[in-house]
PDB file of all heavy atoms in Angstrom:
ATOM      1  N   GLN A   1       0.818  -1.197   0.000  1.00  0.00           N
ATOM      2  CA  GLN A   1       0.000   0.000   0.000  1.00  0.00           C
ATOM      3  C   GLN A   1       0.862   1.261   0.000  1.00  0.00           C
ATOM      4  O   GLN A   1       1.976   1.268   0.535  1.00  0.00           O
ATOM      5  CB  GLN A   1      -0.930   0.012   1.216  1.00  0.00           C
ATOM      6  CG  GLN A   1      -1.955  -1.105   1.221  1.00  0.00           C
ATOM      7  CD  GLN A   1      -2.928  -0.997   0.059  1.00  0.00           C
ATOM      8  OE1 GLN A   1      -3.449   0.085  -0.230  1.00  0.00           O
ATOM      9  NE2 GLN A   1      -3.177  -2.104  -0.620  1.00  0.00           N
ATOM     10  N   LYS A   2       0.339   2.327  -0.594  1.00  0.00           N
ATOM     11  CA  LYS A   2       1.056   3.597  -0.661  1.00  0.00           C
ATOM     12  C   LYS A   2       1.445   4.076   0.743  1.00  0.00           C
ATOM     13  O   LYS A   2       0.637   4.025   1.670  1.00  0.00           O
ATOM     14  CB  LYS A   2       0.176   4.654  -1.338  1.00  0.00           C
ATOM     15  CG  LYS A   2       0.847   6.005  -1.523  1.00  0.00           C
ATOM     16  CD  LYS A   2      -0.070   6.955  -2.267  1.00  0.00           C
ATOM     17  CE  LYS A   2       0.582   8.326  -2.442  1.00  0.00           C
ATOM     18  NZ  LYS A   2      -0.289   9.263  -3.195  1.00  0.00           N
ATOM     19  N   GLY A   3       2.691   4.498   0.886  1.00  0.00           N
ATOM     20  CA  GLY A   3       3.182   4.995   2.163  1.00  0.00           C
ATOM     21  C   GLY A   3       3.945   3.957   2.969  1.00  0.00           C
ATOM     22  O   GLY A   3       4.596   4.304   3.958  1.00  0.00           O
ATOM     23  N   LYS A   4       3.900   2.697   2.554  1.00  0.00           N
ATOM     24  CA  LYS A   4       4.608   1.643   3.255  1.00  0.00           C
ATOM     25  C   LYS A   4       6.113   1.786   3.038  1.00  0.00           C
ATOM     26  O   LYS A   4       6.594   1.828   1.914  1.00  0.00           O
ATOM     27  CB  LYS A   4       4.137   0.274   2.750  1.00  0.00           C
ATOM     28  CG  LYS A   4       4.928  -0.920   3.282  1.00  0.00           C
ATOM     29  CD  LYS A   4       4.648  -1.177   4.743  1.00  0.00           C
ATOM     30  CE  LYS A   4       5.350  -2.460   5.192  1.00  0.00           C
ATOM     31  NZ  LYS A   4       5.137  -2.724   6.636  1.00  0.00           N
ATOM     32  N   LYS A   5       6.881   1.873   4.154  1.00  0.00           N
ATOM     33  CA  LYS A   5       8.337   1.943   4.090  1.00  0.00           C
ATOM     34  C   LYS A   5       8.935   0.676   4.690  1.00  0.00           C
ATOM     35  O   LYS A   5       8.384   0.129   5.648  1.00  0.00           O
ATOM     36  CB  LYS A   5       8.852   3.165   4.858  1.00  0.00           C
ATOM     37  CG  LYS A   5       8.481   4.503   4.255  1.00  0.00           C
ATOM     38  CD  LYS A   5       9.080   5.640   5.079  1.00  0.00           C
ATOM     39  CE  LYS A   5       8.726   7.005   4.506  1.00  0.00           C
ATOM     40  NZ  LYS A   5       9.315   8.121   5.297  1.00  0.00           N
ATOM     41  N   TYR A   6      10.074   0.251   4.154  1.00  0.00           N
ATOM     42  CA  TYR A   6      10.673  -0.978   4.665  1.00  0.00           C
ATOM     43  C   TYR A   6      12.149  -1.068   4.281  1.00  0.00           C
ATOM     44  O   TYR A   6      12.590  -0.513   3.276  1.00  0.00           O
ATOM     45  CB  TYR A   6       9.923  -2.207   4.118  1.00  0.00           C
ATOM     46  CG  TYR A   6       9.632  -2.170   2.631  1.00  0.00           C
ATOM     47  CD1 TYR A   6      10.456  -2.812   1.717  1.00  0.00           C
ATOM     48  CD2 TYR A   6       8.524  -1.477   2.144  1.00  0.00           C
ATOM     49  CE1 TYR A   6      10.184  -2.784   0.362  1.00  0.00           C
ATOM     50  CE2 TYR A   6       8.239  -1.444   0.780  1.00  0.00           C
ATOM     51  CZ  TYR A   6       9.074  -2.097  -0.104  1.00  0.00           C
ATOM     52  OH  TYR A   6       8.805  -2.048  -1.455  1.00  0.00           O
ATOM     53  N   ARG A   7      12.905  -1.757   5.125  1.00  0.00           N
ATOM     54  CA  ARG A   7      14.299  -2.058   4.812  1.00  0.00           C
ATOM     55  C   ARG A   7      14.329  -3.291   3.929  1.00  0.00           C
ATOM     56  O   ARG A   7      13.722  -4.303   4.244  1.00  0.00           O
ATOM     57  CB  ARG A   7      15.106  -2.321   6.089  1.00  0.00           C
ATOM     58  CG  ARG A   7      15.471  -1.062   6.879  1.00  0.00           C
ATOM     59  CD  ARG A   7      16.535  -1.396   7.915  1.00  0.00           C
ATOM     60  NE  ARG A   7      16.923  -0.232   8.707  1.00  0.00           N
ATOM     61  CZ  ARG A   7      17.820   0.671   8.325  1.00  0.00           C
ATOM     62  NH1 ARG A   7      18.413   0.551   7.142  1.00  0.00           N
ATOM     63  NH2 ARG A   7      18.128   1.692   9.105  1.00  0.00           N
ATOM     64  N   GLN A   8      15.067  -3.213   2.844  1.00  0.00           N
ATOM     65  CA  GLN A   8      15.195  -4.356   1.946  1.00  0.00           C
ATOM     66  C   GLN A   8      16.366  -5.252   2.333  1.00  0.00           C
ATOM     67  O   GLN A   8      16.436  -6.410   1.915  1.00  0.00           O
ATOM     68  CB  GLN A   8      15.363  -3.870   0.510  1.00  0.00           C
ATOM     69  CG  GLN A   8      14.146  -3.112  -0.011  1.00  0.00           C
ATOM     70  CD  GLN A   8      14.364  -2.565  -1.398  1.00  0.00           C
ATOM     71  OE1 GLN A   8      15.362  -1.910  -1.681  1.00  0.00           O
ATOM     72  NE2 GLN A   8      13.430  -2.840  -2.284  1.00  0.00           N
ATOM     73  N   GLU A   9      17.277  -4.708   3.099  1.00  0.00           N
ATOM     74  CA  GLU A   9      18.460  -5.433   3.561  1.00  0.00           C
ATOM     75  C   GLU A   9      19.092  -4.606   4.672  1.00  0.00           C
ATOM     76  O   GLU A   9      18.867  -3.391   4.752  1.00  0.00           O
ATOM     77  CB  GLU A   9      19.466  -5.622   2.420  1.00  0.00           C
ATOM     78  CG  GLU A   9      19.886  -4.300   1.778  1.00  0.00           C
ATOM     79  CD  GLU A   9      20.760  -4.453   0.554  1.00  0.00           C
ATOM     80  OE1 GLU A   9      20.989  -5.595   0.117  1.00  0.00           O
ATOM     81  OE2 GLU A   9      21.230  -3.435   0.031  1.00  0.00           O
ATOM     82  N   TYR A  10      19.869  -5.268   5.532  1.00  0.00           N
ATOM     83  CA  TYR A  10      20.577  -4.482   6.538  1.00  0.00           C
ATOM     84  C   TYR A  10      21.864  -5.164   6.986  1.00  0.00           C
ATOM     85  O   TYR A  10      21.872  -6.094   7.786  1.00  0.00           O
ATOM     86  CB  TYR A  10      19.711  -4.197   7.760  1.00  0.00           C
ATOM     87  CG  TYR A  10      20.331  -3.108   8.635  1.00  0.00           C
ATOM     88  CD1 TYR A  10      20.485  -1.829   8.131  1.00  0.00           C
ATOM     89  CD2 TYR A  10      20.793  -3.366   9.917  1.00  0.00           C
ATOM     90  CE1 TYR A  10      21.084  -0.816   8.875  1.00  0.00           C
ATOM     91  CE2 TYR A  10      21.383  -2.373  10.680  1.00  0.00           C
ATOM     92  CZ  TYR A  10      21.529  -1.102  10.149  1.00  0.00           C
ATOM     93  OH  TYR A  10      22.128  -0.111  10.896  1.00  0.00           O
ATOM     94  N   TYR A  11      22.937  -4.695   6.394  1.00  0.00           N
ATOM     95  CA  TYR A  11      24.287  -5.086   6.786  1.00  0.00           C
ATOM     96  C   TYR A  11      25.031  -3.777   6.954  1.00  0.00           C
ATOM     97  O   TYR A  11      25.439  -3.151   5.979  1.00  0.00           O
ATOM     98  CB  TYR A  11      24.915  -5.969   5.705  1.00  0.00           C
ATOM     99  CG  TYR A  11      26.306  -6.459   6.011  1.00  0.00           C
ATOM    100  CD1 TYR A  11      26.785  -6.555   7.318  1.00  0.00           C
ATOM    101  CD2 TYR A  11      27.161  -6.860   4.986  1.00  0.00           C
ATOM    102  CE1 TYR A  11      28.064  -7.005   7.590  1.00  0.00           C
ATOM    103  CE2 TYR A  11      28.442  -7.320   5.239  1.00  0.00           C
ATOM    104  CZ  TYR A  11      28.888  -7.397   6.540  1.00  0.00           C
ATOM    105  OH  TYR A  11      30.158  -7.843   6.809  1.00  0.00           O
ATOM    106  N   PHE A  12      25.182  -3.328   8.176  1.00  0.00           N
ATOM    107  CA  PHE A  12      25.645  -1.971   8.484  1.00  0.00           C
ATOM    108  C   PHE A  12      26.915  -1.606   7.717  1.00  0.00           C
ATOM    109  O   PHE A  12      27.909  -2.332   7.711  1.00  0.00           O
ATOM    110  CB  PHE A  12      25.889  -1.850   9.987  1.00  0.00           C
ATOM    111  CG  PHE A  12      26.294  -0.470  10.427  1.00  0.00           C
ATOM    112  CD1 PHE A  12      25.424   0.599  10.277  1.00  0.00           C
ATOM    113  CD2 PHE A  12      27.547  -0.242  10.975  1.00  0.00           C
ATOM    114  CE1 PHE A  12      25.796   1.875  10.681  1.00  0.00           C
ATOM    115  CE2 PHE A  12      27.925   1.030  11.396  1.00  0.00           C
ATOM    116  CZ  PHE A  12      27.047   2.090  11.242  1.00  0.00           C
ATOM    117  N   ASN A  13      26.820  -0.448   7.050  1.00  0.00           N
ATOM    118  CA  ASN A  13      27.916   0.123   6.270  1.00  0.00           C
ATOM    119  C   ASN A  13      28.272  -0.671   5.010  1.00  0.00           C
ATOM    120  O   ASN A  13      29.242  -0.346   4.336  1.00  0.00           O
ATOM    121  CB  ASN A  13      29.175   0.304   7.119  1.00  0.00           C
ATOM    122  CG  ASN A  13      29.167   1.624   7.865  1.00  0.00           C
ATOM    123  OD1 ASN A  13      28.409   2.532   7.540  1.00  0.00           O
ATOM    124  ND2 ASN A  13      30.003   1.736   8.885  1.00  0.00           N
ATOM    125  N   GLU A  14      27.499  -1.704   4.701  1.00  0.00           N
ATOM    126  CA  GLU A  14      27.772  -2.507   3.521  1.00  0.00           C
ATOM    127  C   GLU A  14      26.561  -2.617   2.591  1.00  0.00           C
ATOM    128  O   GLU A  14      26.684  -2.440   1.385  1.00  0.00           O
ATOM    129  CB  GLU A  14      28.229  -3.923   3.927  1.00  0.00           C
ATOM    130  CG  GLU A  14      29.530  -3.968   4.717  1.00  0.00           C
ATOM    131  CD  GLU A  14      30.736  -3.567   3.903  1.00  0.00           C
ATOM    132  OE1 GLU A  14      30.681  -3.673   2.660  1.00  0.00           O
ATOM    133  OE2 GLU A  14      31.750  -3.154   4.494  1.00  0.00           O
ATOM    134  N   ALA A  15      25.397  -2.912   3.164  1.00  0.00           N
ATOM    135  CA  ALA A  15      24.180  -3.085   2.367  1.00  0.00           C
ATOM    136  C   ALA A  15      23.001  -2.563   3.175  1.00  0.00           C
ATOM    137  O   ALA A  15      22.609  -3.179   4.161  1.00  0.00           O
ATOM    138  CB  ALA A  15      23.978  -4.560   2.019  1.00  0.00           C
ATOM    139  N   GLU A  16      22.455  -1.423   2.763  1.00  0.00           N
ATOM    140  CA  GLU A  16      21.407  -0.782   3.556  1.00  0.00           C
ATOM    141  C   GLU A  16      20.282  -0.224   2.666  1.00  0.00           C
ATOM    142  O   GLU A  16      19.778   0.869   2.893  1.00  0.00           O
ATOM    143  CB  GLU A  16      21.989   0.342   4.418  1.00  0.00           C
ATOM    144  CG  GLU A  16      23.020  -0.110   5.437  1.00  0.00           C
ATOM    145  CD  GLU A  16      23.465   1.004   6.369  1.00  0.00           C
ATOM    146  OE1 GLU A  16      22.657   1.915   6.633  1.00  0.00           O
ATOM    147  OE2 GLU A  16      24.626   0.982   6.824  1.00  0.00           O
ATOM    148  N   ASP A  17      19.889  -0.971   1.666  1.00  0.00           N
ATOM    149  CA  ASP A  17      18.821  -0.504   0.773  1.00  0.00           C
ATOM    150  C   ASP A  17      17.480  -0.406   1.503  1.00  0.00           C
ATOM    151  O   ASP A  17      17.135  -1.275   2.313  1.00  0.00           O
ATOM    152  CB  ASP A  17      18.665  -1.449  -0.417  1.00  0.00           C
ATOM    153  CG  ASP A  17      19.818  -1.342  -1.401  1.00  0.00           C
ATOM    154  OD1 ASP A  17      20.742  -0.550  -1.139  1.00  0.00           O
ATOM    155  OD2 ASP A  17      19.787  -2.049  -2.422  1.00  0.00           O
ATOM    156  N   GLN A  18      16.743   0.661   1.195  1.00  0.00           N
ATOM    157  CA  GLN A  18      15.415   0.873   1.753  1.00  0.00           C
ATOM    158  C   GLN A  18      14.453   1.245   0.622  1.00  0.00           C
ATOM    159  O   GLN A  18      14.878   1.638  -0.466  1.00  0.00           O
ATOM    160  CB  GLN A  18      15.436   1.995   2.796  1.00  0.00           C
ATOM    161  CG  GLN A  18      16.352   1.724   3.971  1.00  0.00           C
ATOM    162  CD  GLN A  18      16.305   2.834   5.007  1.00  0.00           C
ATOM    163  OE1 GLN A  18      15.266   3.069   5.623  1.00  0.00           O
ATOM    164  NE2 GLN A  18      17.416   3.517   5.199  1.00  0.00           N
ATOM    165  N   ALA A  19      13.167   1.110   0.883  1.00  0.00           N
ATOM    166  CA  ALA A  19      12.175   1.430  -0.144  1.00  0.00           C
ATOM    167  C   ALA A  19      10.893   1.948   0.485  1.00  0.00           C
ATOM    168  O   ALA A  19      10.613   1.701   1.657  1.00  0.00           O
ATOM    169  CB  ALA A  19      11.870   0.206  -0.995  1.00  0.00           C
ATOM    170  N   GLU A  20      10.142   2.685  -0.315  1.00  0.00           N
ATOM    171  CA  GLU A  20       8.816   3.159   0.073  1.00  0.00           C
ATOM    172  C   GLU A  20       7.891   3.045  -1.137  1.00  0.00           C
ATOM    173  O   GLU A  20       8.279   3.411  -2.252  1.00  0.00           O
ATOM    174  CB  GLU A  20       8.856   4.608   0.540  1.00  0.00           C
ATOM    175  CG  GLU A  20       7.471   5.159   0.900  1.00  0.00           C
ATOM    176  CD  GLU A  20       7.486   6.629   1.278  1.00  0.00           C
ATOM    177  OE1 GLU A  20       8.559   7.258   1.194  1.00  0.00           O
ATOM    178  OE2 GLU A  20       6.406   7.141   1.633  1.00  0.00           O
ATOM    179  N   ILE A  21       6.709   2.523  -0.924  1.00  0.00           N
ATOM    180  CA  ILE A  21       5.717   2.465  -2.006  1.00  0.00           C
ATOM    181  C   ILE A  21       5.085   3.846  -2.114  1.00  0.00           C
ATOM    182  O   ILE A  21       4.483   4.341  -1.162  1.00  0.00           O
ATOM    183  CB  ILE A  21       4.658   1.390  -1.725  1.00  0.00           C
ATOM    184  CG1 ILE A  21       5.324   0.017  -1.689  1.00  0.00           C
ATOM    185  CG2 ILE A  21       3.566   1.419  -2.799  1.00  0.00           C
ATOM    186  CD1 ILE A  21       4.459  -1.086  -1.174  1.00  0.00           C
ATOM    187  N   ILE A  22       5.252   4.492  -3.276  1.00  0.00           N
ATOM    188  CA  ILE A  22       4.800   5.878  -3.413  1.00  0.00           C
ATOM    189  C   ILE A  22       3.581   6.039  -4.322  1.00  0.00           C
ATOM    190  O   ILE A  22       2.914   7.065  -4.282  1.00  0.00           O
ATOM    191  CB  ILE A  22       5.943   6.801  -3.891  1.00  0.00           C
ATOM    192  CG1 ILE A  22       6.526   6.320  -5.223  1.00  0.00           C
ATOM    193  CG2 ILE A  22       7.032   6.881  -2.839  1.00  0.00           C
ATOM    194  CD1 ILE A  22       7.590   7.267  -5.787  1.00  0.00           C
ATOM    195  N   GLU A  23       3.292   5.023  -5.156  1.00  0.00           N
ATOM    196  CA  GLU A  23       2.088   5.092  -6.000  1.00  0.00           C
ATOM    197  C   GLU A  23       1.584   3.686  -6.288  1.00  0.00           C
ATOM    198  O   GLU A  23       2.368   2.729  -6.357  1.00  0.00           O
ATOM    199  CB  GLU A  23       2.377   5.811  -7.323  1.00  0.00           C
ATOM    200  CG  GLU A  23       2.619   7.307  -7.206  1.00  0.00           C
ATOM    201  CD  GLU A  23       2.710   7.996  -8.556  1.00  0.00           C
ATOM    202  OE1 GLU A  23       1.701   7.960  -9.296  1.00  0.00           O
ATOM    203  OE2 GLU A  23       3.781   8.538  -8.873  1.00  0.00           O
ATOM    204  N   THR A  24       0.277   3.577  -6.471  1.00  0.00           N
ATOM    205  CA  THR A  24      -0.324   2.297  -6.861  1.00  0.00           C
ATOM    206  C   THR A  24      -1.326   2.545  -7.990  1.00  0.00           C
ATOM    207  O   THR A  24      -1.680   3.696  -8.283  1.00  0.00           O
ATOM    208  CB  THR A  24      -1.048   1.636  -5.674  1.00  0.00           C
ATOM    209  OG1 THR A  24      -2.090   2.508  -5.212  1.00  0.00           O
ATOM    210  CG2 THR A  24      -0.078   1.352  -4.521  1.00  0.00           C
ATOM    211  N   GLY A  25      -1.768   1.477  -8.635  1.00  0.00           N
ATOM    212  CA  GLY A  25      -2.779   1.599  -9.687  1.00  0.00           C
ATOM    213  C   GLY A  25      -2.313   2.284 -10.948  1.00  0.00           C
ATOM    214  O   GLY A  25      -3.118   2.873 -11.686  1.00  0.00           O
ATOM    215  N   LEU A  26      -1.018   2.195 -11.241  1.00  0.00           N
ATOM    216  CA  LEU A  26      -0.463   2.883 -12.410  1.00  0.00           C
ATOM    217  C   LEU A  26      -0.553   2.040 -13.677  1.00  0.00           C
ATOM    218  O   LEU A  26      -0.610   0.806 -13.626  1.00  0.00           O
ATOM    219  CB  LEU A  26       1.010   3.220 -12.156  1.00  0.00           C
ATOM    220  CG  LEU A  26       1.331   4.153 -10.990  1.00  0.00           C
ATOM    221  CD1 LEU A  26       2.845   4.261 -10.833  1.00  0.00           C
ATOM    222  CD2 LEU A  26       0.725   5.521 -11.227  1.00  0.00           C
ATOM    223  N   SER A  27      -0.511   2.727 -14.803  1.00  0.00           N
ATOM    224  CA  SER A  27      -0.379   2.076 -16.105  1.00  0.00           C
ATOM    225  C   SER A  27       1.020   2.404 -16.624  1.00  0.00           C
ATOM    226  O   SER A  27       1.408   3.576 -16.691  1.00  0.00           O
ATOM    227  CB  SER A  27      -1.433   2.596 -17.082  1.00  0.00           C
ATOM    228  OG  SER A  27      -1.267   1.993 -18.350  1.00  0.00           O
ATOM    229  N   VAL A  28       1.790   1.376 -16.954  1.00  0.00           N
ATOM    230  CA  VAL A  28       3.185   1.569 -17.366  1.00  0.00           C
ATOM    231  C   VAL A  28       3.451   0.796 -18.650  1.00  0.00           C
ATOM    232  O   VAL A  28       3.065  -0.376 -18.784  1.00  0.00           O
ATOM    233  CB  VAL A  28       4.158   1.088 -16.264  1.00  0.00           C
ATOM    234  CG1 VAL A  28       5.609   1.300 -16.706  1.00  0.00           C
ATOM    235  CG2 VAL A  28       3.896   1.815 -14.952  1.00  0.00           C
ATOM    236  N   THR A  29       4.124   1.445 -19.598  1.00  0.00           N
ATOM    237  CA  THR A  29       4.477   0.814 -20.862  1.00  0.00           C
ATOM    238  C   THR A  29       5.987   0.648 -20.968  1.00  0.00           C
ATOM    239  O   THR A  29       6.745   1.601 -20.742  1.00  0.00           O
ATOM    240  CB  THR A  29       3.970   1.650 -22.060  1.00  0.00           C
ATOM    241  OG1 THR A  29       2.540   1.720 -22.019  1.00  0.00           O
ATOM    242  CG2 THR A  29       4.389   1.010 -23.375  1.00  0.00           C
ATOM    243  N   VAL A  30       6.421  -0.548 -21.286  1.00  0.00           N
ATOM    244  CA  VAL A  30       7.829  -0.860 -21.539  1.00  0.00           C
ATOM    245  C   VAL A  30       7.867  -1.666 -22.836  1.00  0.00           C
ATOM    246  O   VAL A  30       6.820  -2.056 -23.356  1.00  0.00           O
ATOM    247  CB  VAL A  30       8.440  -1.679 -20.377  1.00  0.00           C
ATOM    248  CG1 VAL A  30       8.476  -0.854 -19.100  1.00  0.00           C
ATOM    249  CG2 VAL A  30       7.675  -2.981 -20.144  1.00  0.00           C
ATOM    250  N   PRO A  31       9.052  -1.916 -23.392  1.00  0.00           N
ATOM    251  CA  PRO A  31       9.100  -2.673 -24.653  1.00  0.00           C
ATOM    252  C   PRO A  31       8.393  -4.021 -24.612  1.00  0.00           C
ATOM    253  O   PRO A  31       7.878  -4.487 -25.641  1.00  0.00           O
ATOM    254  CB  PRO A  31      10.613  -2.845 -24.877  1.00  0.00           C
ATOM    255  CG  PRO A  31      11.205  -1.625 -24.258  1.00  0.00           C
ATOM    256  CD  PRO A  31      10.376  -1.387 -23.022  1.00  0.00           C
ATOM    257  N   PHE A  32       8.314  -4.632 -23.440  1.00  0.00           N
ATOM    258  CA  PHE A  32       7.677  -5.943 -23.326  1.00  0.00           C
ATOM    259  C   PHE A  32       6.153  -5.854 -23.358  1.00  0.00           C
ATOM    260  O   PHE A  32       5.467  -6.842 -23.608  1.00  0.00           O
ATOM    261  CB  PHE A  32       8.137  -6.637 -22.041  1.00  0.00           C
ATOM    262  CG  PHE A  32       7.685  -8.067 -21.920  1.00  0.00           C
ATOM    263  CD1 PHE A  32       8.165  -9.036 -22.785  1.00  0.00           C
ATOM    264  CD2 PHE A  32       6.770  -8.435 -20.942  1.00  0.00           C
ATOM    265  CE1 PHE A  32       7.735 -10.366 -22.681  1.00  0.00           C
ATOM    266  CE2 PHE A  32       6.343  -9.754 -20.828  1.00  0.00           C
ATOM    267  CZ  PHE A  32       6.828 -10.724 -21.699  1.00  0.00           C
ATOM    268  N   GLY A  33       5.605  -4.644 -23.103  1.00  0.00           N
ATOM    269  CA  GLY A  33       4.159  -4.494 -23.143  1.00  0.00           C
ATOM    270  C   GLY A  33       3.661  -3.376 -22.245  1.00  0.00           C
ATOM    271  O   GLY A  33       4.439  -2.674 -21.599  1.00  0.00           O
ATOM    272  N   THR A  34       2.352  -3.204 -22.209  1.00  0.00           N
ATOM    273  CA  THR A  34       1.704  -2.207 -21.358  1.00  0.00           C
ATOM    274  C   THR A  34       0.991  -2.933 -20.221  1.00  0.00           C
ATOM    275  O   THR A  34       0.274  -3.912 -20.446  1.00  0.00           O
ATOM    276  CB  THR A  34       0.688  -1.375 -22.150  1.00  0.00           C
ATOM    277  OG1 THR A  34       1.389  -0.635 -23.158  1.00  0.00           O
ATOM    278  CG2 THR A  34      -0.038  -0.389 -21.239  1.00  0.00           C
ATOM    279  N   PHE A  35       1.198  -2.427 -18.986  1.00  0.00           N
ATOM    280  CA  PHE A  35       0.668  -3.099 -17.811  1.00  0.00           C
ATOM    281  C   PHE A  35      -0.133  -2.114 -16.950  1.00  0.00           C
ATOM    282  O   PHE A  35       0.247  -0.948 -16.821  1.00  0.00           O
ATOM    283  CB  PHE A  35       1.808  -3.696 -16.980  1.00  0.00           C
ATOM    284  CG  PHE A  35       2.652  -4.674 -17.752  1.00  0.00           C
ATOM    285  CD1 PHE A  35       3.766  -4.245 -18.464  1.00  0.00           C
ATOM    286  CD2 PHE A  35       2.319  -6.016 -17.791  1.00  0.00           C
ATOM    287  CE1 PHE A  35       4.542  -5.142 -19.182  1.00  0.00           C
ATOM    288  CE2 PHE A  35       3.082  -6.926 -18.513  1.00  0.00           C
ATOM    289  CZ  PHE A  35       4.197  -6.488 -19.209  1.00  0.00           C
ATOM    290  N   THR A  36      -1.223  -2.591 -16.405  1.00  0.00           N
ATOM    291  CA  THR A  36      -2.041  -1.783 -15.499  1.00  0.00           C
ATOM    292  C   THR A  36      -1.899  -2.303 -14.071  1.00  0.00           C
ATOM    293  O   THR A  36      -1.303  -3.365 -13.845  1.00  0.00           O
ATOM    294  CB  THR A  36      -3.522  -1.836 -15.925  1.00  0.00           C
ATOM    295  OG1 THR A  36      -3.963  -3.199 -15.913  1.00  0.00           O
ATOM    296  CG2 THR A  36      -3.715  -1.258 -17.322  1.00  0.00           C
ATOM    297  N   ASN A  37      -2.452  -1.559 -13.138  1.00  0.00           N
ATOM    298  CA  ASN A  37      -2.392  -1.933 -11.726  1.00  0.00           C
ATOM    299  C   ASN A  37      -0.960  -2.114 -11.241  1.00  0.00           C
ATOM    300  O   ASN A  37      -0.657  -3.025 -10.463  1.00  0.00           O
ATOM    301  CB  ASN A  37      -3.203  -3.212 -11.464  1.00  0.00           C
ATOM    302  CG  ASN A  37      -3.517  -3.407  -9.988  1.00  0.00           C
ATOM    303  OD1 ASN A  37      -3.626  -2.437  -9.235  1.00  0.00           O
ATOM    304  ND2 ASN A  37      -3.639  -4.651  -9.555  1.00  0.00           N
ATOM    305  N   CYS A  38      -0.069  -1.241 -11.722  1.00  0.00           N
ATOM    306  CA  CYS A  38       1.340  -1.302 -11.317  1.00  0.00           C
ATOM    307  C   CYS A  38       1.564  -0.493 -10.038  1.00  0.00           C
ATOM    308  O   CYS A  38       0.803   0.414  -9.714  1.00  0.00           O
ATOM    309  CB  CYS A  38       2.231  -0.734 -12.421  1.00  0.00           C
ATOM    310  SG  CYS A  38       2.168  -1.647 -13.976  1.00  0.00           S
ATOM    311  N   ILE A  39       2.619  -0.852  -9.326  1.00  0.00           N
ATOM    312  CA  ILE A  39       3.027  -0.067  -8.154  1.00  0.00           C
ATOM    313  C   ILE A  39       4.397   0.554  -8.423  1.00  0.00           C
ATOM    314  O   ILE A  39       5.190   0.023  -9.204  1.00  0.00           O
ATOM    315  CB  ILE A  39       3.061  -0.906  -6.872  1.00  0.00           C
ATOM    316  CG1 ILE A  39       4.099  -2.034  -6.974  1.00  0.00           C
ATOM    317  CG2 ILE A  39       1.679  -1.466  -6.538  1.00  0.00           C
ATOM    318  CD1 ILE A  39       4.269  -2.803  -5.671  1.00  0.00           C
ATOM    319  N   LYS A  40       4.625   1.692  -7.776  1.00  0.00           N
ATOM    320  CA  LYS A  40       5.886   2.423  -7.933  1.00  0.00           C
ATOM    321  C   LYS A  40       6.536   2.583  -6.569  1.00  0.00           C
ATOM    322  O   LYS A  40       5.886   2.993  -5.607  1.00  0.00           O
ATOM    323  CB  LYS A  40       5.606   3.794  -8.548  1.00  0.00           C
ATOM    324  CG  LYS A  40       6.826   4.696  -8.720  1.00  0.00           C
ATOM    325  CD  LYS A  40       6.400   6.043  -9.312  1.00  0.00           C
ATOM    326  CE  LYS A  40       7.557   7.000  -9.475  1.00  0.00           C
ATOM    327  NZ  LYS A  40       7.111   8.314 -10.048  1.00  0.00           N
ATOM    328  N   THR A  41       7.811   2.248  -6.494  1.00  0.00           N
ATOM    329  CA  THR A  41       8.548   2.417  -5.243  1.00  0.00           C
ATOM    330  C   THR A  41       9.671   3.434  -5.418  1.00  0.00           C
ATOM    331  O   THR A  41      10.154   3.653  -6.532  1.00  0.00           O
ATOM    332  CB  THR A  41       9.166   1.089  -4.768  1.00  0.00           C
ATOM    333  OG1 THR A  41      10.179   0.664  -5.710  1.00  0.00           O
ATOM    334  CG2 THR A  41       8.114   0.006  -4.621  1.00  0.00           C
TER     335      THR A  41
END
């Protein structure tokens, strides 16, 4: 859901990726095709 934040990994000073879901219900087109109900982080 939009607004959800989370750590994707945690190895101090080595691997500390984080993410937040910022949009949902998107339509996105890439060379492989067009997709609906996409989420953006």
